[in-house]
Amino acid sequence: MFDETLRWVLIDWKTVESSVRRLQVRIVKAVKT
């Protein structure tokens, strides 16, 4: 049970992480132009 929850949290975290990275790239591009 706990392992399942942990796995979903990790998957969620990876999704959040990639979204944040994409947002950072967009901000950097906005700052550069």
PDB file of N, CA and C in Angstrom:
ATOM      1  N   MET A   1       0.846  -1.209   0.000  1.00  0.00           N
ATOM      2  CA  MET A   1       0.000   0.000   0.000  1.00  0.00           C
ATOM      3  C   MET A   1       0.873   1.248   0.000  1.00  0.00           C
ATOM      4  N   PHE A   2       1.776   1.314   0.962  1.00  0.00           N
ATOM      5  CA  PHE A   2       2.647   2.489   1.065  1.00  0.00           C
ATOM      6  C   PHE A   2       3.542   2.616  -0.165  1.00  0.00           C
ATOM      7  N   ASP A   3       4.037   1.483  -0.639  1.00  0.00           N
ATOM      8  CA  ASP A   3       4.894   1.490  -1.833  1.00  0.00           C
ATOM      9  C   ASP A   3       4.141   2.060  -3.036  1.00  0.00           C
ATOM     10  N   GLU A   4       2.884   1.683  -3.181  1.00  0.00           N
ATOM     11  CA  GLU A   4       2.067   2.184  -4.297  1.00  0.00           C
ATOM     12  C   GLU A   4       1.944   3.701  -4.230  1.00  0.00           C
ATOM     13  N   THR A   5       1.635   4.202  -3.034  1.00  0.00           N
ATOM     14  CA  THR A   5       1.489   5.648  -2.840  1.00  0.00           C
ATOM     15  C   THR A   5       2.794   6.352  -3.164  1.00  0.00           C
ATOM     16  N   LEU A   6       3.885   5.797  -2.670  1.00  0.00           N
ATOM     17  CA  LEU A   6       5.201   6.382  -2.892  1.00  0.00           C
ATOM     18  C   LEU A   6       5.520   6.436  -4.381  1.00  0.00           C
ATOM     19  N   ARG A   7       5.175   5.366  -5.099  1.00  0.00           N
ATOM     20  CA  ARG A   7       5.439   5.309  -6.536  1.00  0.00           C
ATOM     21  C   ARG A   7       4.660   6.402  -7.264  1.00  0.00           C
ATOM     22  N   TRP A   8       3.397   6.589  -6.874  1.00  0.00           N
ATOM     23  CA  TRP A   8       2.574   7.621  -7.523  1.00  0.00           C
ATOM     24  C   TRP A   8       3.109   9.006  -7.210  1.00  0.00           C
ATOM     25  N   VAL A   9       3.567   9.209  -5.990  1.00  0.00           N
ATOM     26  CA  VAL A   9       4.146  10.504  -5.605  1.00  0.00           C
ATOM     27  C   VAL A   9       5.381  10.785  -6.451  1.00  0.00           C
ATOM     28  N   LEU A  10       6.202   9.760  -6.650  1.00  0.00           N
ATOM     29  CA  LEU A  10       7.411   9.920  -7.455  1.00  0.00           C
ATOM     30  C   LEU A  10       7.068  10.253  -8.899  1.00  0.00           C
ATOM     31  N   ILE A  11       6.062   9.576  -9.456  1.00  0.00           N
ATOM     32  CA  ILE A  11       5.631   9.852 -10.829  1.00  0.00           C
ATOM     33  C   ILE A  11       5.125  11.287 -10.919  1.00  0.00           C
ATOM     34  N   ASP A  12       4.318  11.694  -9.936  1.00  0.00           N
ATOM     35  CA  ASP A  12       3.806  13.059  -9.875  1.00  0.00           C
ATOM     36  C   ASP A  12       4.955  14.052  -9.818  1.00  0.00           C
ATOM     37  N   TRP A  13       5.950  13.749  -8.985  1.00  0.00           N
ATOM     38  CA  TRP A  13       7.080  14.650  -8.809  1.00  0.00           C
ATOM     39  C   TRP A  13       7.841  14.824 -10.116  1.00  0.00           C
ATOM     40  N   LYS A  14       8.029  13.744 -10.863  1.00  0.00           N
ATOM     41  CA  LYS A  14       8.729  13.825 -12.149  1.00  0.00           C
ATOM     42  C   LYS A  14       7.956  14.713 -13.118  1.00  0.00           C
ATOM     43  N   THR A  15       6.647  14.595 -13.107  1.00  0.00           N
ATOM     44  CA  THR A  15       5.807  15.424 -13.973  1.00  0.00           C
ATOM     45  C   THR A  15       5.935  16.889 -13.583  1.00  0.00           C
ATOM     46  N   VAL A  16       5.867  17.156 -12.282  1.00  0.00           N
ATOM     47  CA  VAL A  16       6.005  18.530 -11.777  1.00  0.00           C
ATOM     48  C   VAL A  16       7.371  19.082 -12.148  1.00  0.00           C
ATOM     49  N   GLU A  17       8.403  18.262 -11.964  1.00  0.00           N
ATOM     50  CA  GLU A  17       9.774  18.675 -12.241  1.00  0.00           C
ATOM     51  C   GLU A  17       9.948  19.075 -13.704  1.00  0.00           C
ATOM     52  N   SER A  18       9.410  18.270 -14.607  1.00  0.00           N
ATOM     53  CA  SER A  18       9.543  18.574 -16.034  1.00  0.00           C
ATOM     54  C   SER A  18       8.755  19.833 -16.392  1.00  0.00           C
ATOM     55  N   SER A  19       7.602  20.033 -15.756  1.00  0.00           N
ATOM     56  CA  SER A  19       6.807  21.241 -15.997  1.00  0.00           C
ATOM     57  C   SER A  19       7.563  22.476 -15.525  1.00  0.00           C
ATOM     58  N   VAL A  20       8.166  22.379 -14.350  1.00  0.00           N
ATOM     59  CA  VAL A  20       8.935  23.490 -13.794  1.00  0.00           C
ATOM     60  C   VAL A  20      10.115  23.817 -14.708  1.00  0.00           C
ATOM     61  N   ARG A  21      10.786  22.790 -15.202  1.00  0.00           N
ATOM     62  CA  ARG A  21      11.933  22.990 -16.083  1.00  0.00           C
ATOM     63  C   ARG A  21      11.512  23.712 -17.366  1.00  0.00           C
ATOM     64  N   ARG A  22      10.367  23.290 -17.910  1.00  0.00           N
ATOM     65  CA  ARG A  22       9.856  23.913 -19.125  1.00  0.00           C
ATOM     66  C   ARG A  22       9.516  25.375 -18.864  1.00  0.00           C
ATOM     67  N   LEU A  23       8.948  25.635 -17.692  1.00  0.00           N
ATOM     68  CA  LEU A  23       8.601  27.005 -17.312  1.00  0.00           C
ATOM     69  C   LEU A  23       9.861  27.849 -17.162  1.00  0.00           C
ATOM     70  N   GLN A  24      10.898  27.288 -16.547  1.00  0.00           N
ATOM     71  CA  GLN A  24      12.170  28.000 -16.382  1.00  0.00           C
ATOM     72  C   GLN A  24      12.769  28.369 -17.727  1.00  0.00           C
ATOM     73  N   VAL A  25      12.716  27.447 -18.679  1.00  0.00           N
ATOM     74  CA  VAL A  25      13.239  27.702 -20.024  1.00  0.00           C
ATOM     75  C   VAL A  25      12.493  28.869 -20.652  1.00  0.00           C
ATOM     76  N   ARG A  26      11.173  28.874 -20.482  1.00  0.00           N
ATOM     77  CA  ARG A  26      10.350  29.941 -21.048  1.00  0.00           C
ATOM     78  C   ARG A  26      10.707  31.294 -20.419  1.00  0.00           C
ATOM     79  N   ILE A  27      10.935  31.302 -19.109  1.00  0.00           N
ATOM     80  CA  ILE A  27      11.296  32.532 -18.400  1.00  0.00           C
ATOM     81  C   ILE A  27      12.660  33.033 -18.873  1.00  0.00           C
ATOM     82  N   VAL A  28      13.614  32.125 -19.006  1.00  0.00           N
ATOM     83  CA  VAL A  28      14.957  32.496 -19.455  1.00  0.00           C
ATOM     84  C   VAL A  28      14.897  33.109 -20.855  1.00  0.00           C
ATOM     85  N   LYS A  29      14.113  32.486 -21.742  1.00  0.00           N
ATOM     86  CA  LYS A  29      13.974  33.012 -23.100  1.00  0.00           C
ATOM     87  C   LYS A  29      13.346  34.396 -23.075  1.00  0.00           C
ATOM     88  N   ALA A  30      12.354  34.590 -22.211  1.00  0.00           N
ATOM     89  CA  ALA A  30      11.677  35.884 -22.092  1.00  0.00           C
ATOM     90  C   ALA A  30      12.653  36.948 -21.596  1.00  0.00           C
ATOM     91  N   VAL A  31      13.505  36.579 -20.672  1.00  0.00           N
ATOM     92  CA  VAL A  31      14.486  37.525 -20.110  1.00  0.00           C
ATOM     93  C   VAL A  31      15.541  37.893 -21.155  1.00  0.00           C
ATOM     94  N   LYS A  32      15.957  36.912 -21.940  1.00  0.00           N
ATOM     95  CA  LYS A  32      17.009  37.146 -22.940  1.00  0.00           C
ATOM     96  C   LYS A  32      16.559  38.060 -24.077  1.00  0.00           C
ATOM     97  N   THR A  33      15.265  38.010 -24.424  1.00  0.00           N
ATOM     98  CA  THR A  33      14.788  38.821 -25.547  1.00  0.00           C
ATOM     99  C   THR A  33      14.359  40.209 -25.101  1.00  0.00           C
TER     100      THR A  33
END
